[in-house]
Amino acid sequence: TSIFATVITSAGFSSQAELWRFDVASGGGERV
């Protein structure tokens, strides 16, 4: 029912990785 993935975001020269969970039915996500 859901998919977990690493999402890397960047702002300027800074970046960070986070683990998110996405709902398969709606595509909505939440940080885990």
Full PDB file with SEQRES, HELIX, SHEET, SSBOND, CRYST1, ORIGX, SCALE, CONECT and MASTER records, all heavy atoms in Angstrom:
SEQRES   1 A   32  THR SER ILE PHE ALA THR VAL ILE THR SER ALA GLY PHE          
SEQRES   2 A   32  SER SER GLN ALA GLU LEU TRP ARG PHE ASP VAL ALA SER          
SEQRES   3 A   32  GLY GLY GLY GLU ARG VAL                                      
SHEET    1 AA1 3 SER A   2  ALA A  11  0                                        
SHEET    2 AA1 3 SER A  14  ASP A  23 -1                                        
SHEET    3 AA1 3 GLY A  29  ARG A  31 -1                                        
CRYST1    1.000    1.000    1.000  90.00  90.00  90.00 P 1           1          
ORIGX1      1.000000  0.000000  0.000000        0.00000                         
ORIGX2      0.000000  1.000000  0.000000        0.00000                         
ORIGX3      0.000000  0.000000  1.000000        0.00000                         
SCALE1      1.000000  0.000000  0.000000        0.00000                         
SCALE2      0.000000  1.000000  0.000000        0.00000                         
SCALE3      0.000000  0.000000  1.000000        0.00000                         
ATOM      1  N   THR A   1       0.803  -1.223   0.000  1.00  0.00           N  
ATOM      2  CA  THR A   1       0.000   0.000   0.000  1.00  0.00           C  
ATOM      3  C   THR A   1       0.835   1.272   0.000  1.00  0.00           C  
ATOM      4  O   THR A   1       0.309   2.358  -0.237  1.00  0.00           O  
ATOM      5  CB  THR A   1      -0.933   0.045   1.222  1.00  0.00           C  
ATOM      6  OG1 THR A   1      -0.137   0.058   2.423  1.00  0.00           O  
ATOM      7  CG2 THR A   1      -1.851  -1.174   1.232  1.00  0.00           C  
ATOM      8  N   SER A   2       2.134   1.162   0.268  1.00  0.00           N  
ATOM      9  CA  SER A   2       2.982   2.345   0.307  1.00  0.00           C  
ATOM     10  C   SER A   2       4.381   1.992  -0.173  1.00  0.00           C  
ATOM     11  O   SER A   2       4.754   0.811  -0.245  1.00  0.00           O  
ATOM     12  CB  SER A   2       3.037   2.952   1.715  1.00  0.00           C  
ATOM     13  OG  SER A   2       3.544   2.013   2.653  1.00  0.00           O  
ATOM     14  N   ILE A   3       5.134   3.024  -0.509  1.00  0.00           N  
ATOM     15  CA  ILE A   3       6.493   2.865  -1.016  1.00  0.00           C  
ATOM     16  C   ILE A   3       7.398   3.824  -0.258  1.00  0.00           C  
ATOM     17  O   ILE A   3       7.073   5.002  -0.078  1.00  0.00           O  
ATOM     18  CB  ILE A   3       6.557   3.146  -2.526  1.00  0.00           C  
ATOM     19  CG1 ILE A   3       5.774   2.075  -3.292  1.00  0.00           C  
ATOM     20  CG2 ILE A   3       7.996   3.220  -3.014  1.00  0.00           C  
ATOM     21  CD1 ILE A   3       5.558   2.406  -4.745  1.00  0.00           C  
ATOM     22  N   PHE A   4       8.531   3.320   0.193  1.00  0.00           N  
ATOM     23  CA  PHE A   4       9.527   4.126   0.873  1.00  0.00           C  
ATOM     24  C   PHE A   4      10.640   4.470  -0.110  1.00  0.00           C  
ATOM     25  O   PHE A   4      11.013   3.658  -0.959  1.00  0.00           O  
ATOM     26  CB  PHE A   4      10.113   3.371   2.067  1.00  0.00           C  
ATOM     27  CG  PHE A   4       9.137   3.128   3.180  1.00  0.00           C  
ATOM     28  CD1 PHE A   4       8.151   2.161   3.068  1.00  0.00           C  
ATOM     29  CD2 PHE A   4       9.202   3.871   4.348  1.00  0.00           C  
ATOM     30  CE1 PHE A   4       7.254   1.932   4.094  1.00  0.00           C  
ATOM     31  CE2 PHE A   4       8.308   3.648   5.382  1.00  0.00           C  
ATOM     32  CZ  PHE A   4       7.325   2.679   5.255  1.00  0.00           C  
ATOM     33  N   ALA A   5      11.191   5.676  -0.001  1.00  0.00           N  
ATOM     34  CA  ALA A   5      12.274   6.089  -0.892  1.00  0.00           C  
ATOM     35  C   ALA A   5      13.077   7.189  -0.222  1.00  0.00           C  
ATOM     36  O   ALA A   5      12.576   7.923   0.640  1.00  0.00           O  
ATOM     37  CB  ALA A   5      11.723   6.587  -2.231  1.00  0.00           C  
ATOM     38  N   THR A   6      14.337   7.289  -0.626  1.00  0.00           N  
ATOM     39  CA  THR A   6      15.183   8.392  -0.186  1.00  0.00           C  
ATOM     40  C   THR A   6      14.967   9.583  -1.103  1.00  0.00           C  
ATOM     41  O   THR A   6      14.960   9.439  -2.323  1.00  0.00           O  
ATOM     42  CB  THR A   6      16.664   7.981  -0.200  1.00  0.00           C  
ATOM     43  OG1 THR A   6      16.875   6.971   0.789  1.00  0.00           O  
ATOM     44  CG2 THR A   6      17.568   9.167   0.101  1.00  0.00           C  
ATOM     45  N   VAL A   7      14.765  10.752  -0.516  1.00  0.00           N  
ATOM     46  CA  VAL A   7      14.590  11.998  -1.263  1.00  0.00           C  
ATOM     47  C   VAL A   7      15.698  12.954  -0.850  1.00  0.00           C  
ATOM     48  O   VAL A   7      15.869  13.249   0.337  1.00  0.00           O  
ATOM     49  CB  VAL A   7      13.210  12.629  -0.985  1.00  0.00           C  
ATOM     50  CG1 VAL A   7      13.073  13.954  -1.718  1.00  0.00           C  
ATOM     51  CG2 VAL A   7      12.091  11.676  -1.384  1.00  0.00           C  
ATOM     52  N   ILE A   8      16.464  13.426  -1.838  1.00  0.00           N  
ATOM     53  CA  ILE A   8      17.563  14.356  -1.581  1.00  0.00           C  
ATOM     54  C   ILE A   8      17.164  15.738  -2.096  1.00  0.00           C  
ATOM     55  O   ILE A   8      16.844  15.896  -3.280  1.00  0.00           O  
ATOM     56  CB  ILE A   8      18.858  13.895  -2.258  1.00  0.00           C  
ATOM     57  CG1 ILE A   8      19.276  12.526  -1.710  1.00  0.00           C  
ATOM     58  CG2 ILE A   8      19.978  14.909  -2.037  1.00  0.00           C  
ATOM     59  CD1 ILE A   8      20.509  11.944  -2.384  1.00  0.00           C  
ATOM     60  N   THR A   9      17.166  16.696  -1.219  1.00  0.00           N  
ATOM     61  CA  THR A   9      16.823  18.071  -1.582  1.00  0.00           C  
ATOM     62  C   THR A   9      18.062  18.946  -1.428  1.00  0.00           C  
ATOM     63  O   THR A   9      18.930  18.688  -0.594  1.00  0.00           O  
ATOM     64  CB  THR A   9      15.698  18.619  -0.699  1.00  0.00           C  
ATOM     65  OG1 THR A   9      16.079  18.513   0.685  1.00  0.00           O  
ATOM     66  CG2 THR A   9      14.420  17.821  -0.915  1.00  0.00           C  
ATOM     67  N   SER A  10      18.111  19.990  -2.240  1.00  0.00           N  
ATOM     68  CA  SER A  10      19.258  20.893  -2.212  1.00  0.00           C  
ATOM     69  C   SER A  10      18.776  22.327  -2.114  1.00  0.00           C  
ATOM     70  O   SER A  10      17.732  22.701  -2.660  1.00  0.00           O  
ATOM     71  CB  SER A  10      20.111  20.724  -3.476  1.00  0.00           C  
ATOM     72  OG  SER A  10      20.608  19.406  -3.580  1.00  0.00           O  
ATOM     73  N   ALA A  11      19.563  23.137  -1.414  1.00  0.00           N  
ATOM     74  CA  ALA A  11      19.320  24.575  -1.313  1.00  0.00           C  
ATOM     75  C   ALA A  11      20.670  25.260  -1.386  1.00  0.00           C  
ATOM     76  O   ALA A  11      21.462  25.176  -0.444  1.00  0.00           O  
ATOM     77  CB  ALA A  11      18.593  24.925  -0.015  1.00  0.00           C  
ATOM     78  N   GLY A  12      20.952  25.898  -2.525  1.00  0.00           N  
ATOM     79  CA  GLY A  12      22.278  26.468  -2.714  1.00  0.00           C  
ATOM     80  C   GLY A  12      23.313  25.366  -2.816  1.00  0.00           C  
ATOM     81  O   GLY A  12      23.192  24.443  -3.614  1.00  0.00           O  
ATOM     82  N   PHE A  13      24.325  25.437  -1.954  1.00  0.00           N  
ATOM     83  CA  PHE A  13      25.373  24.425  -1.939  1.00  0.00           C  
ATOM     84  C   PHE A  13      25.125  23.374  -0.861  1.00  0.00           C  
ATOM     85  O   PHE A  13      25.991  22.534  -0.602  1.00  0.00           O  
ATOM     86  CB  PHE A  13      26.741  25.081  -1.711  1.00  0.00           C  
ATOM     87  CG  PHE A  13      27.168  25.972  -2.849  1.00  0.00           C  
ATOM     88  CD1 PHE A  13      27.033  27.345  -2.749  1.00  0.00           C  
ATOM     89  CD2 PHE A  13      27.681  25.431  -4.007  1.00  0.00           C  
ATOM     90  CE1 PHE A  13      27.429  28.178  -3.791  1.00  0.00           C  
ATOM     91  CE2 PHE A  13      28.068  26.246  -5.054  1.00  0.00           C  
ATOM     92  CZ  PHE A  13      27.946  27.624  -4.949  1.00  0.00           C  
ATOM     93  N   SER A  14      23.984  23.422  -0.239  1.00  0.00           N  
ATOM     94  CA  SER A  14      23.668  22.482   0.838  1.00  0.00           C  
ATOM     95  C   SER A  14      22.655  21.447   0.363  1.00  0.00           C  
ATOM     96  O   SER A  14      21.728  21.760  -0.401  1.00  0.00           O  
ATOM     97  CB  SER A  14      23.101  23.250   2.041  1.00  0.00           C  
ATOM     98  OG  SER A  14      22.719  22.358   3.064  1.00  0.00           O  
ATOM     99  N   SER A  15      22.819  20.213   0.801  1.00  0.00           N  
ATOM    100  CA  SER A  15      21.875  19.160   0.441  1.00  0.00           C  
ATOM    101  C   SER A  15      21.730  18.199   1.607  1.00  0.00           C  
ATOM    102  O   SER A  15      22.612  18.102   2.475  1.00  0.00           O  
ATOM    103  CB  SER A  15      22.350  18.400  -0.807  1.00  0.00           C  
ATOM    104  OG  SER A  15      23.594  17.783  -0.579  1.00  0.00           O  
ATOM    105  N   GLN A  16      20.608  17.498   1.642  1.00  0.00           N  
ATOM    106  CA  GLN A  16      20.393  16.506   2.686  1.00  0.00           C  
ATOM    107  C   GLN A  16      19.461  15.422   2.176  1.00  0.00           C  
ATOM    108  O   GLN A  16      18.649  15.641   1.273  1.00  0.00           O  
ATOM    109  CB  GLN A  16      19.803  17.141   3.942  1.00  0.00           C  
ATOM    110  CG  GLN A  16      18.418  17.727   3.769  1.00  0.00           C  
ATOM    111  CD  GLN A  16      17.825  18.220   5.083  1.00  0.00           C  
ATOM    112  OE1 GLN A  16      18.410  18.062   6.142  1.00  0.00           O  
ATOM    113  NE2 GLN A  16      16.648  18.813   5.009  1.00  0.00           N  
ATOM    114  N   ALA A  17      19.604  14.227   2.755  1.00  0.00           N  
ATOM    115  CA  ALA A  17      18.778  13.087   2.395  1.00  0.00           C  
ATOM    116  C   ALA A  17      17.773  12.806   3.505  1.00  0.00           C  
ATOM    117  O   ALA A  17      18.073  12.976   4.694  1.00  0.00           O  
ATOM    118  CB  ALA A  17      19.649  11.858   2.162  1.00  0.00           C  
ATOM    119  N   GLU A  18      16.574  12.399   3.111  1.00  0.00           N  
ATOM    120  CA  GLU A  18      15.523  12.013   4.044  1.00  0.00           C  
ATOM    121  C   GLU A  18      14.813  10.784   3.504  1.00  0.00           C  
ATOM    122  O   GLU A  18      14.779  10.560   2.286  1.00  0.00           O  
ATOM    123  CB  GLU A  18      14.509  13.141   4.234  1.00  0.00           C  
ATOM    124  CG  GLU A  18      15.089  14.419   4.804  1.00  0.00           C  
ATOM    125  CD  GLU A  18      14.048  15.543   4.877  1.00  0.00           C  
ATOM    126  OE1 GLU A  18      13.114  15.531   4.041  1.00  0.00           O  
ATOM    127  OE2 GLU A  18      14.175  16.405   5.751  1.00  0.00           O  
ATOM    128  N   LEU A  19      14.240   9.993   4.396  1.00  0.00           N  
ATOM    129  CA  LEU A  19      13.414   8.858   3.984  1.00  0.00           C  
ATOM    130  C   LEU A  19      11.950   9.257   4.050  1.00  0.00           C  
ATOM    131  O   LEU A  19      11.483   9.779   5.075  1.00  0.00           O  
ATOM    132  CB  LEU A  19      13.655   7.645   4.887  1.00  0.00           C  
ATOM    133  CG  LEU A  19      14.807   6.715   4.520  1.00  0.00           C  
ATOM    134  CD1 LEU A  19      14.920   5.579   5.528  1.00  0.00           C  
ATOM    135  CD2 LEU A  19      14.634   6.155   3.117  1.00  0.00           C  
ATOM    136  N   TRP A  20      11.236   9.009   2.957  1.00  0.00           N  
ATOM    137  CA  TRP A  20       9.822   9.340   2.866  1.00  0.00           C  
ATOM    138  C   TRP A  20       9.004   8.091   2.558  1.00  0.00           C  
ATOM    139  O   TRP A  20       9.503   7.141   1.957  1.00  0.00           O  
ATOM    140  CB  TRP A  20       9.593  10.378   1.766  1.00  0.00           C  
ATOM    141  CG  TRP A  20       9.962  11.778   2.172  1.00  0.00           C  
ATOM    142  CD1 TRP A  20      11.206  12.255   2.460  1.00  0.00           C  
ATOM    143  CD2 TRP A  20       9.060  12.879   2.340  1.00  0.00           C  
ATOM    144  NE1 TRP A  20      11.154  13.576   2.799  1.00  0.00           N  
ATOM    145  CE2 TRP A  20       9.847  13.994   2.731  1.00  0.00           C  
ATOM    146  CE3 TRP A  20       7.684  13.029   2.195  1.00  0.00           C  
ATOM    147  CZ2 TRP A  20       9.287  15.238   2.980  1.00  0.00           C  
ATOM    148  CZ3 TRP A  20       7.119  14.282   2.441  1.00  0.00           C  
ATOM    149  CH2 TRP A  20       7.911  15.360   2.829  1.00  0.00           C  
ATOM    150  N   ARG A  21       7.756   8.129   2.986  1.00  0.00           N  
ATOM    151  CA  ARG A  21       6.790   7.080   2.655  1.00  0.00           C  
ATOM    152  C   ARG A  21       5.687   7.707   1.799  1.00  0.00           C  
ATOM    153  O   ARG A  21       5.121   8.743   2.148  1.00  0.00           O  
ATOM    154  CB  ARG A  21       6.186   6.467   3.916  1.00  0.00           C  
ATOM    155  CG  ARG A  21       5.040   5.493   3.637  1.00  0.00           C  
ATOM    156  CD  ARG A  21       4.647   4.707   4.890  1.00  0.00           C  
ATOM    157  NE  ARG A  21       4.537   5.569   6.052  1.00  0.00           N  
ATOM    158  CZ  ARG A  21       4.597   5.134   7.318  1.00  0.00           C  
ATOM    159  NH1 ARG A  21       4.789   3.857   7.555  1.00  0.00           N  
ATOM    160  NH2 ARG A  21       4.466   5.970   8.319  1.00  0.00           N  
ATOM    161  N   PHE A  22       5.390   7.056   0.651  1.00  0.00           N  
ATOM    162  CA  PHE A  22       4.384   7.563  -0.278  1.00  0.00           C  
ATOM    163  C   PHE A  22       3.243   6.552  -0.412  1.00  0.00           C  
ATOM    164  O   PHE A  22       3.482   5.356  -0.584  1.00  0.00           O  
ATOM    165  CB  PHE A  22       5.001   7.839  -1.647  1.00  0.00           C  
ATOM    166  CG  PHE A  22       6.068   8.891  -1.627  1.00  0.00           C  
ATOM    167  CD1 PHE A  22       7.405   8.533  -1.520  1.00  0.00           C  
ATOM    168  CD2 PHE A  22       5.737  10.235  -1.694  1.00  0.00           C  
ATOM    169  CE1 PHE A  22       8.404   9.505  -1.492  1.00  0.00           C  
ATOM    170  CE2 PHE A  22       6.723  11.213  -1.665  1.00  0.00           C  
ATOM    171  CZ  PHE A  22       8.056  10.847  -1.557  1.00  0.00           C  
ATOM    172  N   ASP A  23       2.029   7.065  -0.353  1.00  0.00           N  
ATOM    173  CA  ASP A  23       0.848   6.225  -0.477  1.00  0.00           C  
ATOM    174  C   ASP A  23       0.641   5.842  -1.938  1.00  0.00           C  
ATOM    175  O   ASP A  23       0.638   6.708  -2.821  1.00  0.00           O  
ATOM    176  CB  ASP A  23      -0.378   6.970   0.057  1.00  0.00           C  
ATOM    177  CG  ASP A  23      -1.632   6.133  -0.018  1.00  0.00           C  
ATOM    178  OD1 ASP A  23      -1.749   5.171   0.749  1.00  0.00           O  
ATOM    179  OD2 ASP A  23      -2.497   6.453  -0.873  1.00  0.00           O  
ATOM    180  N   VAL A  24       0.469   4.554  -2.214  1.00  0.00           N  
ATOM    181  CA  VAL A  24       0.339   4.087  -3.591  1.00  0.00           C  
ATOM    182  C   VAL A  24      -0.955   4.583  -4.223  1.00  0.00           C  
ATOM    183  O   VAL A  24      -1.003   4.891  -5.415  1.00  0.00           O  
ATOM    184  CB  VAL A  24       0.419   2.547  -3.645  1.00  0.00           C  
ATOM    185  CG1 VAL A  24       0.039   2.017  -5.018  1.00  0.00           C  
ATOM    186  CG2 VAL A  24       1.820   2.083  -3.271  1.00  0.00           C  
ATOM    187  N   ALA A  25      -2.022   4.679  -3.465  1.00  0.00           N  
ATOM    188  CA  ALA A  25      -3.307   5.088  -4.020  1.00  0.00           C  
ATOM    189  C   ALA A  25      -3.350   6.569  -4.353  1.00  0.00           C  
ATOM    190  O   ALA A  25      -3.833   6.967  -5.418  1.00  0.00           O  
ATOM    191  CB  ALA A  25      -4.423   4.734  -3.045  1.00  0.00           C  
ATOM    192  N   SER A  26      -2.826   7.421  -3.463  1.00  0.00           N  
ATOM    193  CA  SER A  26      -2.965   8.865  -3.642  1.00  0.00           C  
ATOM    194  C   SER A  26      -1.688   9.565  -4.066  1.00  0.00           C  
ATOM    195  O   SER A  26      -1.741  10.685  -4.592  1.00  0.00           O  
ATOM    196  CB  SER A  26      -3.456   9.495  -2.332  1.00  0.00           C  
ATOM    197  OG  SER A  26      -2.459   9.392  -1.319  1.00  0.00           O  
ATOM    198  N   GLY A  27      -0.537   8.970  -3.813  1.00  0.00           N  
ATOM    199  CA  GLY A  27       0.732   9.632  -4.085  1.00  0.00           C  
ATOM    200  C   GLY A  27       1.178  10.566  -2.977  1.00  0.00           C  
ATOM    201  O   GLY A  27       2.265  11.148  -3.050  1.00  0.00           O  
ATOM    202  N   GLY A  28       0.352  10.737  -1.961  1.00  0.00           N  
ATOM    203  CA  GLY A  28       0.716  11.602  -0.847  1.00  0.00           C  
ATOM    204  C   GLY A  28       1.892  11.049  -0.073  1.00  0.00           C  
ATOM    205  O   GLY A  28       2.050   9.834   0.056  1.00  0.00           O  
ATOM    206  N   GLY A  29       2.748  11.953   0.440  1.00  0.00           N  
ATOM    207  CA  GLY A  29       3.952  11.515   1.124  1.00  0.00           C  
ATOM    208  C   GLY A  29       4.110  12.098   2.509  1.00  0.00           C  
ATOM    209  O   GLY A  29       3.556  13.159   2.820  1.00  0.00           O  
ATOM    210  N   GLU A  30       4.872  11.406   3.336  1.00  0.00           N  
ATOM    211  CA  GLU A  30       5.219  11.886   4.666  1.00  0.00           C  
ATOM    212  C   GLU A  30       6.655  11.487   4.984  1.00  0.00           C  
ATOM    213  O   GLU A  30       7.114  10.412   4.592  1.00  0.00           O  
ATOM    214  CB  GLU A  30       4.280  11.311   5.732  1.00  0.00           C  
ATOM    215  CG  GLU A  30       4.330   9.794   5.843  1.00  0.00           C  
ATOM    216  CD  GLU A  30       3.507   9.287   6.995  1.00  0.00           C  
ATOM    217  OE1 GLU A  30       3.205  10.080   7.915  1.00  0.00           O  
ATOM    218  OE2 GLU A  30       3.167   8.086   7.001  1.00  0.00           O  
ATOM    219  N   ARG A  31       7.369  12.360   5.671  1.00  0.00           N  
ATOM    220  CA  ARG A  31       8.742  12.061   6.050  1.00  0.00           C  
ATOM    221  C   ARG A  31       8.762  11.071   7.203  1.00  0.00           C  
ATOM    222  O   ARG A  31       8.030  11.215   8.181  1.00  0.00           O  
ATOM    223  CB  ARG A  31       9.478  13.336   6.449  1.00  0.00           C  
ATOM    224  CG  ARG A  31      10.962  13.126   6.688  1.00  0.00           C  
ATOM    225  CD  ARG A  31      11.662  14.423   7.018  1.00  0.00           C  
ATOM    226  NE  ARG A  31      11.191  14.983   8.279  1.00  0.00           N  
ATOM    227  CZ  ARG A  31      11.539  16.173   8.756  1.00  0.00           C  
ATOM    228  NH1 ARG A  31      12.346  16.943   8.043  1.00  0.00           N  
ATOM    229  NH2 ARG A  31      11.063  16.609   9.898  1.00  0.00           N  
ATOM    230  N   VAL A  32       9.609  10.057   7.067  1.00  0.00           N  
ATOM    231  CA  VAL A  32       9.712   9.016   8.091  1.00  0.00           C  
ATOM    232  C   VAL A  32      10.994   9.174   8.899  1.00  0.00           C  
ATOM    233  O   VAL A  32      10.989   9.033  10.121  1.00  0.00           O  
ATOM    234  CB  VAL A  32       9.661   7.615   7.447  1.00  0.00           C  
ATOM    235  CG1 VAL A  32       9.825   6.524   8.503  1.00  0.00           C  
ATOM    236  CG2 VAL A  32       8.356   7.419   6.688  1.00  0.00           C  
TER     237      VAL A  32                                                      
MASTER        0    0    0    0    3    0    0    6  236    1    0    3          
END                                                                             
